[in-house]
């Protein structure tokens, strides 16, 4: 998705990312996502 944004000319400082709680593959992944959410900071964007 970030590649699509960059190709369209969207600047990095216009972007935040939402990990999509409630939209994962399996319910047991929700708690794991809460536990590991900080790993998404590696992308360098704020999280919603």
ModelCIF file with pLDDT and N, C-alpha, C, O atoms, coordinates in Angstrom:
data_MODEL
#
_entry.id   MODEL 
#
_entity.id                         1 
_entity.type                       polymer 
_entity.pdbx_number_of_molecules   1 
#
_entity_poly.entity_id                      1 
_entity_poly.type                           'polypeptide(L)' 
_entity_poly.nstd_linkage                   no 
_entity_poly.nstd_monomer                   no 
_entity_poly.pdbx_seq_one_letter_code       
;(UNK)(UNK)(UNK)(UNK)(UNK)(UNK)(UNK)(UNK)(UNK)(UNK)(UNK)(UNK)(UNK)(UNK)(UNK)(UNK)
(UNK)(UNK)(UNK)(UNK)(UNK)(UNK)(UNK)(UNK)(UNK)(UNK)(UNK)(UNK)(UNK)(UNK)(UNK)(UNK)
(UNK)(UNK)(UNK)(UNK)(UNK)(UNK)(UNK)(UNK)(UNK)(UNK)(UNK)(UNK)(UNK)(UNK)(UNK)(UNK)
;
_entity_poly.pdbx_seq_one_letter_code_can   XXXXXXXXXXXXXXXXXXXXXXXXXXXXXXXXXXXXXXXXXXXXXXXX 
_entity_poly.pdbx_strand_id                 A 
#
loop_
_entity_poly_seq.entity_id 
_entity_poly_seq.num 
_entity_poly_seq.mon_id 
_entity_poly_seq.hetero 
1 1  UNK n 
1 2  UNK n 
1 3  UNK n 
1 4  UNK n 
1 5  UNK n 
1 6  UNK n 
1 7  UNK n 
1 8  UNK n 
1 9  UNK n 
1 10 UNK n 
1 11 UNK n 
1 12 UNK n 
1 13 UNK n 
1 14 UNK n 
1 15 UNK n 
1 16 UNK n 
1 17 UNK n 
1 18 UNK n 
1 19 UNK n 
1 20 UNK n 
1 21 UNK n 
1 22 UNK n 
1 23 UNK n 
1 24 UNK n 
1 25 UNK n 
1 26 UNK n 
1 27 UNK n 
1 28 UNK n 
1 29 UNK n 
1 30 UNK n 
1 31 UNK n 
1 32 UNK n 
1 33 UNK n 
1 34 UNK n 
1 35 UNK n 
1 36 UNK n 
1 37 UNK n 
1 38 UNK n 
1 39 UNK n 
1 40 UNK n 
1 41 UNK n 
1 42 UNK n 
1 43 UNK n 
1 44 UNK n 
1 45 UNK n 
1 46 UNK n 
1 47 UNK n 
1 48 UNK n 
#
_struct_asym.id          A 
_struct_asym.entity_id   1 
#
loop_
_ma_qa_metric.id 
_ma_qa_metric.mode 
_ma_qa_metric.name 
_ma_qa_metric.software_group_id 
_ma_qa_metric.type 
1 global pLDDT . pLDDT 
2 local  pLDDT . pLDDT 
#
_ma_qa_metric_global.metric_id      1 
_ma_qa_metric_global.metric_value   96.92 
_ma_qa_metric_global.model_id       1 
_ma_qa_metric_global.ordinal_id     1 
#
loop_
_ma_qa_metric_local.label_asym_id 
_ma_qa_metric_local.label_comp_id 
_ma_qa_metric_local.label_seq_id 
_ma_qa_metric_local.metric_id 
_ma_qa_metric_local.metric_value 
_ma_qa_metric_local.model_id 
_ma_qa_metric_local.ordinal_id 
A UNK 1  2 98.00 1 1  
A UNK 2  2 98.00 1 2  
A UNK 3  2 98.00 1 3  
A UNK 4  2 98.00 1 4  
A UNK 5  2 98.00 1 5  
A UNK 6  2 98.00 1 6  
A UNK 7  2 98.00 1 7  
A UNK 8  2 98.00 1 8  
A UNK 9  2 98.00 1 9  
A UNK 10 2 98.00 1 10 
A UNK 11 2 98.00 1 11 
A UNK 12 2 98.00 1 12 
A UNK 13 2 98.00 1 13 
A UNK 14 2 98.00 1 14 
A UNK 15 2 98.00 1 15 
A UNK 16 2 98.00 1 16 
A UNK 17 2 98.00 1 17 
A UNK 18 2 98.00 1 18 
A UNK 19 2 98.00 1 19 
A UNK 20 2 98.00 1 20 
A UNK 21 2 97.00 1 21 
A UNK 22 2 95.00 1 22 
A UNK 23 2 95.00 1 23 
A UNK 24 2 96.00 1 24 
A UNK 25 2 92.00 1 25 
A UNK 26 2 91.00 1 26 
A UNK 27 2 89.00 1 27 
A UNK 28 2 92.00 1 28 
A UNK 29 2 96.00 1 29 
A UNK 30 2 97.00 1 30 
A UNK 31 2 97.00 1 31 
A UNK 32 2 97.00 1 32 
A UNK 33 2 98.00 1 33 
A UNK 34 2 97.00 1 34 
A UNK 35 2 97.00 1 35 
A UNK 36 2 97.00 1 36 
A UNK 37 2 97.00 1 37 
A UNK 38 2 96.00 1 38 
A UNK 39 2 98.00 1 39 
A UNK 40 2 98.00 1 40 
A UNK 41 2 97.00 1 41 
A UNK 42 2 97.00 1 42 
A UNK 43 2 98.00 1 43 
A UNK 44 2 97.00 1 44 
A UNK 45 2 98.00 1 45 
A UNK 46 2 97.00 1 46 
A UNK 47 2 98.00 1 47 
A UNK 48 2 98.00 1 48 
#
loop_
_atom_site.group_PDB 
_atom_site.id 
_atom_site.type_symbol 
_atom_site.label_atom_id 
_atom_site.label_alt_id 
_atom_site.label_comp_id 
_atom_site.label_asym_id 
_atom_site.label_entity_id 
_atom_site.label_seq_id 
_atom_site.pdbx_PDB_ins_code 
_atom_site.Cartn_x 
_atom_site.Cartn_y 
_atom_site.Cartn_z 
_atom_site.occupancy 
_atom_site.B_iso_or_equiv 
_atom_site.pdbx_formal_charge 
_atom_site.auth_seq_id 
_atom_site.auth_comp_id 
_atom_site.auth_asym_id 
_atom_site.auth_atom_id 
_atom_site.pdbx_PDB_model_num 
ATOM 1   N N  . UNK A 1 1  ? 0.823   -1.208  0.000  1.00 98.00 ? 1  UNK A N  1 
ATOM 2   C CA . UNK A 1 1  ? 0.000   0.000   0.000  1.00 98.00 ? 1  UNK A CA 1 
ATOM 3   C C  . UNK A 1 1  ? 0.859   1.261   0.000  1.00 98.00 ? 1  UNK A C  1 
ATOM 4   O O  . UNK A 1 1  ? 0.527   2.238   -0.670 1.00 98.00 ? 1  UNK A O  1 
ATOM 5   N N  . UNK A 1 2  ? 1.955   1.242   0.746  1.00 98.00 ? 2  UNK A N  1 
ATOM 6   C CA . UNK A 1 2  ? 2.841   2.399   0.771  1.00 98.00 ? 2  UNK A CA 1 
ATOM 7   C C  . UNK A 1 2  ? 3.507   2.620   -0.582 1.00 98.00 ? 2  UNK A C  1 
ATOM 8   O O  . UNK A 1 2  ? 3.770   3.760   -0.964 1.00 98.00 ? 2  UNK A O  1 
ATOM 9   N N  . UNK A 1 3  ? 3.779   1.544   -1.304 1.00 98.00 ? 3  UNK A N  1 
ATOM 10  C CA . UNK A 1 3  ? 4.302   1.694   -2.669 1.00 98.00 ? 3  UNK A CA 1 
ATOM 11  C C  . UNK A 1 3  ? 3.269   2.378   -3.560 1.00 98.00 ? 3  UNK A C  1 
ATOM 12  O O  . UNK A 1 3  ? 3.625   3.221   -4.384 1.00 98.00 ? 3  UNK A O  1 
ATOM 13  N N  . UNK A 1 4  ? 1.989   2.023   -3.401 1.00 98.00 ? 4  UNK A N  1 
ATOM 14  C CA . UNK A 1 4  ? 0.920   2.663   -4.161 1.00 98.00 ? 4  UNK A CA 1 
ATOM 15  C C  . UNK A 1 4  ? 0.831   4.143   -3.808 1.00 98.00 ? 4  UNK A C  1 
ATOM 16  O O  . UNK A 1 4  ? 0.663   4.990   -4.685 1.00 98.00 ? 4  UNK A O  1 
ATOM 17  N N  . UNK A 1 5  ? 0.946   4.445   -2.524 1.00 98.00 ? 5  UNK A N  1 
ATOM 18  C CA . UNK A 1 5  ? 0.884   5.842   -2.091 1.00 98.00 ? 5  UNK A CA 1 
ATOM 19  C C  . UNK A 1 5  ? 2.038   6.644   -2.690 1.00 98.00 ? 5  UNK A C  1 
ATOM 20  O O  . UNK A 1 5  ? 1.836   7.748   -3.196 1.00 98.00 ? 5  UNK A O  1 
ATOM 21  N N  . UNK A 1 6  ? 3.239   6.089   -2.632 1.00 98.00 ? 6  UNK A N  1 
ATOM 22  C CA . UNK A 1 6  ? 4.404   6.789   -3.165 1.00 98.00 ? 6  UNK A CA 1 
ATOM 23  C C  . UNK A 1 6  ? 4.271   7.014   -4.668 1.00 98.00 ? 6  UNK A C  1 
ATOM 24  O O  . UNK A 1 6  ? 4.610   8.086   -5.169 1.00 98.00 ? 6  UNK A O  1 
ATOM 25  N N  . UNK A 1 7  ? 3.777   6.003   -5.389 1.00 98.00 ? 7  UNK A N  1 
ATOM 26  C CA . UNK A 1 7  ? 3.620   6.122   -6.839 1.00 98.00 ? 7  UNK A CA 1 
ATOM 27  C C  . UNK A 1 7  ? 2.637   7.221   -7.210 1.00 98.00 ? 7  UNK A C  1 
ATOM 28  O O  . UNK A 1 7  ? 2.772   7.853   -8.258 1.00 98.00 ? 7  UNK A O  1 
ATOM 29  N N  . UNK A 1 8  ? 1.640   7.452   -6.346 1.00 98.00 ? 8  UNK A N  1 
ATOM 30  C CA . UNK A 1 8  ? 0.635   8.485   -6.610 1.00 98.00 ? 8  UNK A CA 1 
ATOM 31  C C  . UNK A 1 8  ? 1.091   9.868   -6.156 1.00 98.00 ? 8  UNK A C  1 
ATOM 32  O O  . UNK A 1 8  ? 0.423   10.865  -6.434 1.00 98.00 ? 8  UNK A O  1 
ATOM 33  N N  . UNK A 1 9  ? 2.215   9.933   -5.465 1.00 98.00 ? 9  UNK A N  1 
ATOM 34  C CA . UNK A 1 9  ? 2.722   11.221  -5.016 1.00 98.00 ? 9  UNK A CA 1 
ATOM 35  C C  . UNK A 1 9  ? 2.295   11.613  -3.620 1.00 98.00 ? 9  UNK A C  1 
ATOM 36  O O  . UNK A 1 9  ? 2.451   12.771  -3.232 1.00 98.00 ? 9  UNK A O  1 
ATOM 37  N N  . UNK A 1 10 ? 1.760   10.676  -2.854 1.00 98.00 ? 10 UNK A N  1 
ATOM 38  C CA . UNK A 1 10 ? 1.392   10.971  -1.467 1.00 98.00 ? 10 UNK A CA 1 
ATOM 39  C C  . UNK A 1 10 ? 2.673   11.069  -0.647 1.00 98.00 ? 10 UNK A C  1 
ATOM 40  O O  . UNK A 1 10 ? 3.519   10.175  -0.693 1.00 98.00 ? 10 UNK A O  1 
ATOM 41  N N  . UNK A 1 11 ? 2.808   12.149  0.095  1.00 98.00 ? 11 UNK A N  1 
ATOM 42  C CA . UNK A 1 11 ? 4.013   12.347  0.903  1.00 98.00 ? 11 UNK A CA 1 
ATOM 43  C C  . UNK A 1 11 ? 3.929   11.535  2.193  1.00 98.00 ? 11 UNK A C  1 
ATOM 44  O O  . UNK A 1 11 ? 2.842   11.282  2.712  1.00 98.00 ? 11 UNK A O  1 
ATOM 45  N N  . UNK A 1 12 ? 5.081   11.136  2.697  1.00 98.00 ? 12 UNK A N  1 
ATOM 46  C CA . UNK A 1 12 ? 5.133   10.315  3.906  1.00 98.00 ? 12 UNK A CA 1 
ATOM 47  C C  . UNK A 1 12 ? 4.431   10.986  5.081  1.00 98.00 ? 12 UNK A C  1 
ATOM 48  O O  . UNK A 1 12 ? 3.798   10.308  5.891  1.00 98.00 ? 12 UNK A O  1 
ATOM 49  N N  . UNK A 1 13 ? 4.534   12.314  5.185  1.00 98.00 ? 13 UNK A N  1 
ATOM 50  C CA . UNK A 1 13 ? 3.959   12.978  6.347  1.00 98.00 ? 13 UNK A CA 1 
ATOM 51  C C  . UNK A 1 13 ? 2.442   13.138  6.258  1.00 98.00 ? 13 UNK A C  1 
ATOM 52  O O  . UNK A 1 13 ? 1.830   13.752  7.133  1.00 98.00 ? 13 UNK A O  1 
ATOM 53  N N  . UNK A 1 14 ? 1.832   12.588  5.202  1.00 98.00 ? 14 UNK A N  1 
ATOM 54  C CA . UNK A 1 14 ? 0.369   12.545  5.097  1.00 98.00 ? 14 UNK A CA 1 
ATOM 55  C C  . UNK A 1 14 ? -0.191  11.209  5.560  1.00 98.00 ? 14 UNK A C  1 
ATOM 56  O O  . UNK A 1 14 ? -1.409  11.029  5.588  1.00 98.00 ? 14 UNK A O  1 
ATOM 57  N N  . UNK A 1 15 ? 0.682   10.259  5.928  1.00 98.00 ? 15 UNK A N  1 
ATOM 58  C CA . UNK A 1 15 ? 0.274   8.872   6.133  1.00 98.00 ? 15 UNK A CA 1 
ATOM 59  C C  . UNK A 1 15 ? 0.330   8.456   7.598  1.00 98.00 ? 15 UNK A C  1 
ATOM 60  O O  . UNK A 1 15 ? 1.309   8.732   8.292  1.00 98.00 ? 15 UNK A O  1 
ATOM 61  N N  . UNK A 1 16 ? -0.722  7.794   8.064  1.00 98.00 ? 16 UNK A N  1 
ATOM 62  C CA . UNK A 1 16 ? -0.684  6.992   9.284  1.00 98.00 ? 16 UNK A CA 1 
ATOM 63  C C  . UNK A 1 16 ? -1.191  5.598   8.935  1.00 98.00 ? 16 UNK A C  1 
ATOM 64  O O  . UNK A 1 16 ? -1.890  5.416   7.938  1.00 98.00 ? 16 UNK A O  1 
ATOM 65  N N  . UNK A 1 17 ? -0.836  4.622   9.756  1.00 98.00 ? 17 UNK A N  1 
ATOM 66  C CA . UNK A 1 17 ? -1.193  3.228   9.502  1.00 98.00 ? 17 UNK A CA 1 
ATOM 67  C C  . UNK A 1 17 ? -2.081  2.685   10.611 1.00 98.00 ? 17 UNK A C  1 
ATOM 68  O O  . UNK A 1 17 ? -1.876  2.984   11.787 1.00 98.00 ? 17 UNK A O  1 
ATOM 69  N N  . UNK A 1 18 ? -3.066  1.887   10.228 1.00 98.00 ? 18 UNK A N  1 
ATOM 70  C CA . UNK A 1 18 ? -3.988  1.246   11.169 1.00 98.00 ? 18 UNK A CA 1 
ATOM 71  C C  . UNK A 1 18 ? -3.779  -0.265  11.065 1.00 98.00 ? 18 UNK A C  1 
ATOM 72  O O  . UNK A 1 18 ? -3.984  -0.826  9.989  1.00 98.00 ? 18 UNK A O  1 
ATOM 73  N N  . UNK A 1 19 ? -3.376  -0.946  12.153 1.00 98.00 ? 19 UNK A N  1 
ATOM 74  C CA . UNK A 1 19 ? -3.118  -2.387  12.097 1.00 98.00 ? 19 UNK A CA 1 
ATOM 75  C C  . UNK A 1 19 ? -4.346  -3.244  11.825 1.00 98.00 ? 19 UNK A C  1 
ATOM 76  O O  . UNK A 1 19 ? -4.207  -4.445  11.594 1.00 98.00 ? 19 UNK A O  1 
ATOM 77  N N  . UNK A 1 20 ? -5.545  -2.666  11.844 1.00 98.00 ? 20 UNK A N  1 
ATOM 78  C CA . UNK A 1 20 ? -6.731  -3.406  11.419 1.00 98.00 ? 20 UNK A CA 1 
ATOM 79  C C  . UNK A 1 20 ? -7.255  -4.405  12.433 1.00 98.00 ? 20 UNK A C  1 
ATOM 80  O O  . UNK A 1 20 ? -7.623  -5.518  12.058 1.00 98.00 ? 20 UNK A O  1 
ATOM 81  N N  . UNK A 1 21 ? -7.300  -4.040  13.704 1.00 97.00 ? 21 UNK A N  1 
ATOM 82  C CA . UNK A 1 21 ? -7.922  -4.924  14.689 1.00 97.00 ? 21 UNK A CA 1 
ATOM 83  C C  . UNK A 1 21 ? -9.364  -5.203  14.261 1.00 97.00 ? 21 UNK A C  1 
ATOM 84  O O  . UNK A 1 21 ? -10.109 -4.295  13.892 1.00 97.00 ? 21 UNK A O  1 
ATOM 85  N N  . UNK A 1 22 ? -9.737  -6.482  14.322 1.00 95.00 ? 22 UNK A N  1 
ATOM 86  C CA . UNK A 1 22 ? -11.058 -6.874  13.861 1.00 95.00 ? 22 UNK A CA 1 
ATOM 87  C C  . UNK A 1 22 ? -11.091 -7.286  12.403 1.00 95.00 ? 22 UNK A C  1 
ATOM 88  O O  . UNK A 1 22 ? -12.115 -7.773  11.923 1.00 95.00 ? 22 UNK A O  1 
ATOM 89  N N  . UNK A 1 23 ? -9.993  -7.100  11.693 1.00 95.00 ? 23 UNK A N  1 
ATOM 90  C CA . UNK A 1 23 ? -9.931  -7.426  10.268 1.00 95.00 ? 23 UNK A CA 1 
ATOM 91  C C  . UNK A 1 23 ? -8.820  -8.424  9.958  1.00 95.00 ? 23 UNK A C  1 
ATOM 92  O O  . UNK A 1 23 ? -8.394  -8.551  8.811  1.00 95.00 ? 23 UNK A O  1 
ATOM 93  N N  . UNK A 1 24 ? -8.353  -9.131  10.986 1.00 96.00 ? 24 UNK A N  1 
ATOM 94  C CA . UNK A 1 24 ? -7.288  -10.113 10.799 1.00 96.00 ? 24 UNK A CA 1 
ATOM 95  C C  . UNK A 1 24 ? -7.878  -11.441 10.334 1.00 96.00 ? 24 UNK A C  1 
ATOM 96  O O  . UNK A 1 24 ? -9.096  -11.578 10.215 1.00 96.00 ? 24 UNK A O  1 
ATOM 97  N N  . UNK A 1 25 ? -6.998  -12.429 10.069 1.00 92.00 ? 25 UNK A N  1 
ATOM 98  C CA . UNK A 1 25 ? -7.463  -13.714 9.545  1.00 92.00 ? 25 UNK A CA 1 
ATOM 99  C C  . UNK A 1 25 ? -8.186  -14.540 10.598 1.00 92.00 ? 25 UNK A C  1 
ATOM 100 O O  . UNK A 1 25 ? -9.238  -15.120 10.326 1.00 92.00 ? 25 UNK A O  1 
ATOM 101 N N  . UNK A 1 26 ? -7.618  -14.594 11.807 1.00 91.00 ? 26 UNK A N  1 
ATOM 102 C CA . UNK A 1 26 ? -8.149  -15.469 12.855 1.00 91.00 ? 26 UNK A CA 1 
ATOM 103 C C  . UNK A 1 26 ? -8.232  -14.703 14.172 1.00 91.00 ? 26 UNK A C  1 
ATOM 104 O O  . UNK A 1 26 ? -7.383  -13.860 14.462 1.00 91.00 ? 26 UNK A O  1 
ATOM 105 N N  . UNK A 1 27 ? -9.254  -14.998 14.961 1.00 89.00 ? 27 UNK A N  1 
ATOM 106 C CA . UNK A 1 27 ? -9.473  -14.240 16.194 1.00 89.00 ? 27 UNK A CA 1 
ATOM 107 C C  . UNK A 1 27 ? -8.299  -14.332 17.154 1.00 89.00 ? 27 UNK A C  1 
ATOM 108 O O  . UNK A 1 27 ? -7.997  -13.368 17.857 1.00 89.00 ? 27 UNK A O  1 
ATOM 109 N N  . UNK A 1 28 ? -7.626  -15.492 17.190 1.00 92.00 ? 28 UNK A N  1 
ATOM 110 C CA . UNK A 1 28 ? -6.514  -15.626 18.125 1.00 92.00 ? 28 UNK A CA 1 
ATOM 111 C C  . UNK A 1 28 ? -5.349  -14.690 17.771 1.00 92.00 ? 28 UNK A C  1 
ATOM 112 O O  . UNK A 1 28 ? -4.459  -14.478 18.594 1.00 92.00 ? 28 UNK A O  1 
ATOM 113 N N  . UNK A 1 29 ? -5.349  -14.135 16.563 1.00 96.00 ? 29 UNK A N  1 
ATOM 114 C CA . UNK A 1 29 ? -4.291  -13.210 16.188 1.00 96.00 ? 29 UNK A CA 1 
ATOM 115 C C  . UNK A 1 29 ? -4.478  -11.825 16.807 1.00 96.00 ? 29 UNK A C  1 
ATOM 116 O O  . UNK A 1 29 ? -3.537  -11.032 16.841 1.00 96.00 ? 29 UNK A O  1 
ATOM 117 N N  . UNK A 1 30 ? -5.681  -11.527 17.296 1.00 97.00 ? 30 UNK A N  1 
ATOM 118 C CA . UNK A 1 30 ? -5.943  -10.194 17.845 1.00 97.00 ? 30 UNK A CA 1 
ATOM 119 C C  . UNK A 1 30 ? -5.050  -9.914  19.062 1.00 97.00 ? 30 UNK A C  1 
ATOM 120 O O  . UNK A 1 30 ? -4.416  -8.862  19.140 1.00 97.00 ? 30 UNK A O  1 
ATOM 121 N N  . UNK A 1 31 ? -5.004  -10.851 20.002 1.00 97.00 ? 31 UNK A N  1 
ATOM 122 C CA . UNK A 1 31 ? -4.167  -10.643 21.187 1.00 97.00 ? 31 UNK A CA 1 
ATOM 123 C C  . UNK A 1 31 ? -2.695  -10.605 20.814 1.00 97.00 ? 31 UNK A C  1 
ATOM 124 O O  . UNK A 1 31 ? -1.927  -9.822  21.374 1.00 97.00 ? 31 UNK A O  1 
ATOM 125 N N  . UNK A 1 32 ? -2.302  -11.451 19.868 1.00 97.00 ? 32 UNK A N  1 
ATOM 126 C CA . UNK A 1 32 ? -0.903  -11.427 19.423 1.00 97.00 ? 32 UNK A CA 1 
ATOM 127 C C  . UNK A 1 32 ? -0.574  -10.083 18.789 1.00 97.00 ? 32 UNK A C  1 
ATOM 128 O O  . UNK A 1 32 ? 0.514   -9.544  18.991 1.00 97.00 ? 32 UNK A O  1 
ATOM 129 N N  . UNK A 1 33 ? -1.511  -9.548  18.026 1.00 98.00 ? 33 UNK A N  1 
ATOM 130 C CA . UNK A 1 33 ? -1.277  -8.248  17.399 1.00 98.00 ? 33 UNK A CA 1 
ATOM 131 C C  . UNK A 1 33 ? -1.129  -7.155  18.450 1.00 98.00 ? 33 UNK A C  1 
ATOM 132 O O  . UNK A 1 33 ? -0.298  -6.260  18.301 1.00 98.00 ? 33 UNK A O  1 
ATOM 133 N N  . UNK A 1 34 ? -1.937  -7.223  19.519 1.00 97.00 ? 34 UNK A N  1 
ATOM 134 C CA . UNK A 1 34 ? -1.755  -6.251  20.602 1.00 97.00 ? 34 UNK A CA 1 
ATOM 135 C C  . UNK A 1 34 ? -0.363  -6.386  21.226 1.00 97.00 ? 34 UNK A C  1 
ATOM 136 O O  . UNK A 1 34 ? 0.294   -5.386  21.516 1.00 97.00 ? 34 UNK A O  1 
ATOM 137 N N  . UNK A 1 35 ? 0.074   -7.614  21.426 1.00 97.00 ? 35 UNK A N  1 
ATOM 138 C CA . UNK A 1 35 ? 1.370   -7.848  22.062 1.00 97.00 ? 35 UNK A CA 1 
ATOM 139 C C  . UNK A 1 35 ? 2.533   -7.406  21.186 1.00 97.00 ? 35 UNK A C  1 
ATOM 140 O O  . UNK A 1 35 ? 3.574   -6.992  21.695 1.00 97.00 ? 35 UNK A O  1 
ATOM 141 N N  . UNK A 1 36 ? 2.359   -7.492  19.879 1.00 97.00 ? 36 UNK A N  1 
ATOM 142 C CA . UNK A 1 36 ? 3.463   -7.246  18.953 1.00 97.00 ? 36 UNK A CA 1 
ATOM 143 C C  . UNK A 1 36 ? 3.299   -5.972  18.129 1.00 97.00 ? 36 UNK A C  1 
ATOM 144 O O  . UNK A 1 36 ? 4.075   -5.715  17.209 1.00 97.00 ? 36 UNK A O  1 
ATOM 145 N N  . UNK A 1 37 ? 2.293   -5.184  18.462 1.00 97.00 ? 37 UNK A N  1 
ATOM 146 C CA . UNK A 1 37 ? 1.978   -4.007  17.656 1.00 97.00 ? 37 UNK A CA 1 
ATOM 147 C C  . UNK A 1 37 ? 3.177   -3.074  17.493 1.00 97.00 ? 37 UNK A C  1 
ATOM 148 O O  . UNK A 1 37 ? 3.346   -2.447  16.448 1.00 97.00 ? 37 UNK A O  1 
ATOM 149 N N  . UNK A 1 38 ? 4.000   -2.988  18.523 1.00 96.00 ? 38 UNK A N  1 
ATOM 150 C CA . UNK A 1 38 ? 5.164   -2.119  18.464 1.00 96.00 ? 38 UNK A CA 1 
ATOM 151 C C  . UNK A 1 38 ? 6.136   -2.468  17.350 1.00 96.00 ? 38 UNK A C  1 
ATOM 152 O O  . UNK A 1 38 ? 6.924   -1.622  16.927 1.00 96.00 ? 38 UNK A O  1 
ATOM 153 N N  . UNK A 1 39 ? 6.089   -3.713  16.867 1.00 98.00 ? 39 UNK A N  1 
ATOM 154 C CA . UNK A 1 39 ? 6.979   -4.101  15.775 1.00 98.00 ? 39 UNK A CA 1 
ATOM 155 C C  . UNK A 1 39 ? 6.677   -3.336  14.489 1.00 98.00 ? 39 UNK A C  1 
ATOM 156 O O  . UNK A 1 39 ? 7.536   -3.221  13.614 1.00 98.00 ? 39 UNK A O  1 
ATOM 157 N N  . UNK A 1 40 ? 5.458   -2.815  14.376 1.00 98.00 ? 40 UNK A N  1 
ATOM 158 C CA . UNK A 1 40 ? 5.084   -2.082  13.167 1.00 98.00 ? 40 UNK A CA 1 
ATOM 159 C C  . UNK A 1 40 ? 5.749   -0.707  13.103 1.00 98.00 ? 40 UNK A C  1 
ATOM 160 O O  . UNK A 1 40 ? 5.721   -0.054  12.060 1.00 98.00 ? 40 UNK A O  1 
ATOM 161 N N  . UNK A 1 41 ? 6.348   -0.262  14.216 1.00 97.00 ? 41 UNK A N  1 
ATOM 162 C CA . UNK A 1 41 ? 7.069   1.013   14.179 1.00 97.00 ? 41 UNK A CA 1 
ATOM 163 C C  . UNK A 1 41 ? 8.270   0.944   13.247 1.00 97.00 ? 41 UNK A C  1 
ATOM 164 O O  . UNK A 1 41 ? 8.813   1.979   12.861 1.00 97.00 ? 41 UNK A O  1 
ATOM 165 N N  . UNK A 1 42 ? 8.691   -0.258  12.881 1.00 97.00 ? 42 UNK A N  1 
ATOM 166 C CA . UNK A 1 42 ? 9.815   -0.399  11.952 1.00 97.00 ? 42 UNK A CA 1 
ATOM 167 C C  . UNK A 1 42 ? 9.515   0.253   10.602 1.00 97.00 ? 42 UNK A C  1 
ATOM 168 O O  . UNK A 1 42 ? 10.436  0.586   9.856  1.00 97.00 ? 42 UNK A O  1 
ATOM 169 N N  . UNK A 1 43 ? 8.223   0.438   10.284 1.00 98.00 ? 43 UNK A N  1 
ATOM 170 C CA . UNK A 1 43 ? 7.844   1.064   9.021  1.00 98.00 ? 43 UNK A CA 1 
ATOM 171 C C  . UNK A 1 43 ? 8.036   2.580   9.057  1.00 98.00 ? 43 UNK A C  1 
ATOM 172 O O  . UNK A 1 43 ? 8.102   3.222   8.009  1.00 98.00 ? 43 UNK A O  1 
ATOM 173 N N  . UNK A 1 44 ? 8.127   3.154   10.261 1.00 97.00 ? 44 UNK A N  1 
ATOM 174 C CA . UNK A 1 44 ? 8.409   4.568   10.386 1.00 97.00 ? 44 UNK A CA 1 
ATOM 175 C C  . UNK A 1 44 ? 7.215   5.494   10.286 1.00 97.00 ? 44 UNK A C  1 
ATOM 176 O O  . UNK A 1 44 ? 7.388   6.690   10.055 1.00 97.00 ? 44 UNK A O  1 
ATOM 177 N N  . UNK A 1 45 ? 5.989   4.967   10.456 1.00 98.00 ? 45 UNK A N  1 
ATOM 178 C CA . UNK A 1 45 ? 4.789   5.786   10.366 1.00 98.00 ? 45 UNK A CA 1 
ATOM 179 C C  . UNK A 1 45 ? 4.003   5.720   11.671 1.00 98.00 ? 45 UNK A C  1 
ATOM 180 O O  . UNK A 1 45 ? 4.041   4.699   12.359 1.00 98.00 ? 45 UNK A O  1 
ATOM 181 N N  . UNK A 1 46 ? 3.284   6.802   12.029 1.00 97.00 ? 46 UNK A N  1 
ATOM 182 C CA . UNK A 1 46 ? 2.438   6.754   13.221 1.00 97.00 ? 46 UNK A CA 1 
ATOM 183 C C  . UNK A 1 46 ? 1.347   5.699   13.073 1.00 97.00 ? 46 UNK A C  1 
ATOM 184 O O  . UNK A 1 46 ? 0.941   5.350   11.964 1.00 97.00 ? 46 UNK A O  1 
ATOM 185 N N  . UNK A 1 47 ? 0.878   5.194   14.227 1.00 98.00 ? 47 UNK A N  1 
ATOM 186 C CA . UNK A 1 47 ? -0.147  4.156   14.233 1.00 98.00 ? 47 UNK A CA 1 
ATOM 187 C C  . UNK A 1 47 ? -1.465  4.687   14.790 1.00 98.00 ? 47 UNK A C  1 
ATOM 188 O O  . UNK A 1 47 ? -1.493  5.400   15.793 1.00 98.00 ? 47 UNK A O  1 
ATOM 189 N N  . UNK A 1 48 ? -2.540  4.326   14.124 1.00 98.00 ? 48 UNK A N  1 
ATOM 190 C CA . UNK A 1 48 ? -3.897  4.620   14.565 1.00 98.00 ? 48 UNK A CA 1 
ATOM 191 C C  . UNK A 1 48 ? -4.555  3.298   14.947 1.00 98.00 ? 48 UNK A C  1 
ATOM 192 O O  . UNK A 1 48 ? -5.716  3.282   15.355 1.00 98.00 ? 48 UNK A O  1 
#
